[in-house]
Amino acid sequence: MQRALNITARDFALSEAFEAEIREKAASLDTYFTRITGCDVTVEAPVEHHRKGGPFKVHVRLTVPGKELIVNRQSEEGLAAAIREAFDAMRRQLEDYVREHRGDVKAHEAPAQGRVSRLSADYGFLETADGREIYFHRNSVLNGGFDRLQIGTQVRFVEEEGDEGPQASTVTVAERRH
């Protein structure tokens, strides 16, 4: 970490053992991403914790290039559980950030476009922009729209490999532009 870990305990004195556990868990985040710029941890005791016990709250704020990751956890099972749950959630967020940062997160492609070329009672065929014909079933047409289709209707669809070749799923009528 580029900046020293900052630990704050509100409404109670944090024991050395819990502080050491927080330091250890914060340091372990460096194994997932080495360019963490800062980490702030705030631990809040429950109201009247010396008499009633109750849920501890742990807030972790991690600063990474271009983003701030924040986790808030509360646990009825005690402070150790709240610390563990907060850092587990932060690790998952950090892993997601790293995947996104590396470009591993898959960008969703826009649905393909085509037009209805043939219709039958329960299925039809779409003609794609490159001239291929793709089968679709009435159940693939969203919102029960199969009965409203006509030959020539412009549609968007997701192409997938079926048992007998390419087929369209998630077929929707394309919006008309005025």
Protein backbone atom coordinates (compact mmCIF):
# COMPACT_ATOMS: atom_id res chain seq x y z
CA MET A 1 0.00 0.00 0.00
CA GLN A 2 1.25 3.42 -0.89
CA ARG A 3 -0.36 5.10 2.13
CA ALA A 4 -0.32 3.67 5.64
CA LEU A 5 -3.35 1.73 6.80
CA ASN A 6 -5.69 3.90 8.87
CA ILE A 7 -7.74 2.14 11.58
CA THR A 8 -10.38 4.01 13.58
CA ALA A 9 -12.42 2.57 16.45
CA ARG A 10 -15.57 4.48 17.38
CA ASP A 11 -17.09 4.32 20.86
CA PHE A 12 -14.68 1.70 22.22
CA ALA A 13 -11.02 0.76 22.50
CA LEU A 14 -9.93 -1.75 19.89
CA SER A 15 -7.82 -4.55 21.35
CA GLU A 16 -4.33 -5.22 20.00
CA ALA A 17 -5.46 -8.63 18.77
CA PHE A 18 -8.29 -7.19 16.64
CA GLU A 19 -6.03 -4.42 15.37
CA ALA A 20 -3.43 -7.03 14.37
CA GLU A 21 -6.13 -9.06 12.60
CA ILE A 22 -7.26 -5.98 10.64
CA ARG A 23 -3.64 -5.20 9.67
CA GLU A 24 -3.10 -8.79 8.52
CA LYS A 25 -6.29 -8.88 6.42
CA ALA A 26 -5.52 -5.46 4.87
CA ALA A 27 -1.99 -6.59 4.00
CA SER A 28 -3.36 -9.75 2.38
CA LEU A 29 -5.30 -7.59 -0.11
CA ASP A 30 -1.92 -6.65 -1.64
CA THR A 31 -1.64 -10.22 -2.93
CA TYR A 32 -4.64 -9.55 -5.19
CA PHE A 33 -3.52 -6.11 -6.43
CA THR A 34 -0.17 -4.48 -5.65
CA ARG A 35 -1.13 -0.92 -6.57
CA ILE A 36 -3.57 -0.24 -3.72
CA THR A 37 -3.09 3.41 -2.76
CA GLY A 38 -4.82 3.39 0.61
CA CYS A 39 -7.03 1.55 3.06
CA ASP A 40 -9.19 3.03 5.81
CA VAL A 41 -10.98 0.77 8.29
CA THR A 42 -13.56 2.05 10.77
CA VAL A 43 -14.97 -0.21 13.47
CA GLU A 44 -18.09 0.88 15.34
CA ALA A 45 -19.25 -0.69 18.56
CA PRO A 46 -22.94 -1.31 19.13
CA VAL A 47 -24.79 1.23 21.25
CA GLU A 48 -24.27 0.37 24.93
CA HIS A 49 -22.05 -2.54 23.87
CA HIS A 50 -20.66 -2.99 27.37
CA ARG A 51 -24.12 -4.00 28.64
CA LYS A 52 -25.99 -5.47 25.71
CA GLY A 53 -23.49 -6.73 23.18
CA GLY A 54 -24.90 -6.51 19.70
CA PRO A 55 -23.73 -6.03 16.14
CA PHE A 56 -20.34 -4.50 15.44
CA LYS A 57 -20.03 -2.54 12.20
CA VAL A 58 -16.90 -2.62 10.05
CA HIS A 59 -16.42 -0.15 7.19
CA VAL A 60 -13.53 -0.70 4.76
CA ARG A 61 -12.60 1.90 2.14
CA LEU A 62 -9.93 0.87 -0.35
CA THR A 63 -8.44 3.34 -2.82
CA VAL A 64 -7.13 1.97 -6.12
CA PRO A 65 -6.19 3.81 -9.32
CA GLY A 66 -9.31 5.49 -10.65
CA LYS A 67 -11.72 4.04 -8.12
CA GLU A 68 -12.74 3.75 -4.51
CA LEU A 69 -14.06 0.41 -3.23
CA ILE A 70 -16.32 0.51 -0.17
CA VAL A 71 -17.67 -2.27 2.03
CA ASN A 72 -19.91 -1.97 5.09
CA ARG A 73 -20.58 -5.08 7.16
CA GLN A 74 -22.39 -5.71 10.41
CA SER A 75 -22.41 -8.96 12.35
CA GLU A 76 -24.43 -10.21 15.30
CA GLU A 77 -21.78 -12.89 15.77
CA GLY A 78 -19.18 -10.48 17.13
CA LEU A 79 -16.34 -8.31 15.98
CA ALA A 80 -14.19 -11.14 14.55
CA ALA A 81 -17.04 -12.21 12.24
CA ALA A 82 -17.69 -8.61 11.15
CA ILE A 83 -14.00 -8.12 10.29
CA ARG A 84 -13.82 -11.41 8.40
CA GLU A 85 -17.03 -10.71 6.42
CA ALA A 86 -15.96 -7.14 5.57
CA PHE A 87 -12.55 -8.20 4.26
CA ASP A 88 -14.00 -11.18 2.37
CA ALA A 89 -16.42 -8.81 0.62
CA MET A 90 -13.59 -6.35 -0.09
CA ARG A 91 -11.44 -9.13 -1.56
CA ARG A 92 -14.29 -10.05 -3.94
CA GLN A 93 -14.71 -6.40 -4.97
CA LEU A 94 -10.97 -6.07 -5.50
CA GLU A 95 -10.88 -9.23 -7.63
CA ASP A 96 -13.70 -7.80 -9.77
CA TYR A 97 -11.81 -4.51 -10.10
CA VAL A 98 -8.64 -6.35 -11.17
CA ARG A 99 -10.54 -8.35 -13.82
CA GLU A 100 -12.11 -5.14 -15.12
CA HIS A 101 -8.77 -3.31 -14.98
CA ARG A 102 -7.05 -6.09 -17.00
CA GLY A 103 -9.88 -6.12 -19.53
CA ASP A 104 -11.00 -9.65 -18.62
CA VAL A 105 -14.60 -8.50 -18.17
CA LYS A 106 -16.52 -9.52 -21.24
CA ALA A 107 -18.24 -6.71 -23.08
CA HIS A 108 -21.74 -7.59 -24.17
CA GLU A 109 -22.22 -7.53 -27.89
CA ALA A 110 -25.23 -5.81 -29.38
CA PRO A 111 -27.88 -8.22 -30.59
CA ALA A 112 -27.76 -9.08 -34.30
CA GLN A 113 -30.41 -7.67 -36.61
CA GLY A 114 -32.38 -9.32 -39.36
CA ARG A 115 -35.82 -9.60 -40.86
CA VAL A 116 -38.45 -12.34 -40.80
CA SER A 117 -38.22 -14.23 -44.10
CA ARG A 118 -40.58 -17.20 -43.48
CA LEU A 119 -43.23 -18.04 -40.89
CA SER A 120 -44.99 -21.26 -39.90
CA ALA A 121 -47.40 -22.12 -37.06
CA ASP A 122 -44.70 -22.47 -34.35
CA TYR A 123 -41.45 -21.37 -35.96
CA GLY A 124 -39.93 -19.15 -38.57
CA PHE A 125 -36.71 -18.09 -40.25
CA LEU A 126 -34.80 -14.83 -40.12
CA GLU A 127 -32.63 -13.46 -42.88
CA THR A 128 -29.45 -11.83 -41.57
CA ALA A 129 -27.65 -8.86 -43.10
CA ASP A 130 -25.12 -11.27 -44.66
CA GLY A 131 -27.90 -13.33 -46.32
CA ARG A 132 -27.97 -16.35 -43.99
CA GLU A 133 -31.24 -17.89 -42.82
CA ILE A 134 -31.57 -18.61 -39.12
CA TYR A 135 -34.31 -20.71 -37.52
CA PHE A 136 -36.31 -19.46 -34.51
CA HIS A 137 -39.12 -20.98 -32.47
CA ARG A 138 -42.21 -19.12 -31.24
CA ASN A 139 -40.90 -19.49 -27.63
CA SER A 140 -37.80 -17.48 -28.59
CA VAL A 141 -39.89 -14.39 -29.35
CA LEU A 142 -40.11 -12.22 -26.25
CA ASN A 143 -43.36 -10.95 -24.74
CA GLY A 144 -45.49 -13.46 -26.67
CA GLY A 145 -44.86 -11.49 -29.84
CA PHE A 146 -44.73 -14.40 -32.28
CA ASP A 147 -48.33 -13.91 -33.44
CA ARG A 148 -47.64 -10.25 -34.29
CA LEU A 149 -44.70 -11.07 -36.60
CA GLN A 150 -45.07 -10.71 -40.35
CA ILE A 151 -42.73 -11.43 -43.23
CA GLY A 152 -40.39 -8.46 -43.48
CA THR A 153 -40.61 -7.50 -39.78
CA GLN A 154 -37.24 -6.19 -38.60
CA VAL A 155 -36.00 -7.99 -35.46
CA ARG A 156 -33.05 -8.18 -33.09
CA PHE A 157 -31.88 -11.57 -31.91
CA VAL A 158 -29.11 -13.51 -30.23
CA GLU A 159 -27.62 -16.24 -32.38
CA GLU A 160 -26.61 -19.54 -30.82
CA GLU A 161 -25.75 -23.01 -32.05
CA GLY A 162 -28.75 -25.36 -32.01
CA ASP A 163 -29.02 -29.11 -32.59
CA GLU A 164 -29.37 -28.62 -36.35
CA GLY A 165 -27.33 -25.47 -36.89
CA PRO A 166 -27.61 -21.81 -35.98
CA GLN A 167 -30.80 -20.64 -34.32
CA ALA A 168 -32.08 -17.37 -32.91
CA SER A 169 -32.99 -16.87 -29.30
CA THR A 170 -34.30 -13.79 -27.54
CA VAL A 171 -36.02 -12.43 -30.65
CA THR A 172 -37.50 -8.92 -30.28
CA VAL A 173 -39.10 -6.58 -32.79
CA ALA A 174 -36.63 -3.82 -33.67
CA GLU A 175 -37.80 -0.31 -32.84
CA ARG A 176 -38.64 1.83 -35.81
CA ARG A 177 -36.76 5.08 -36.12
CA HIS A 178 -38.66 8.12 -37.29
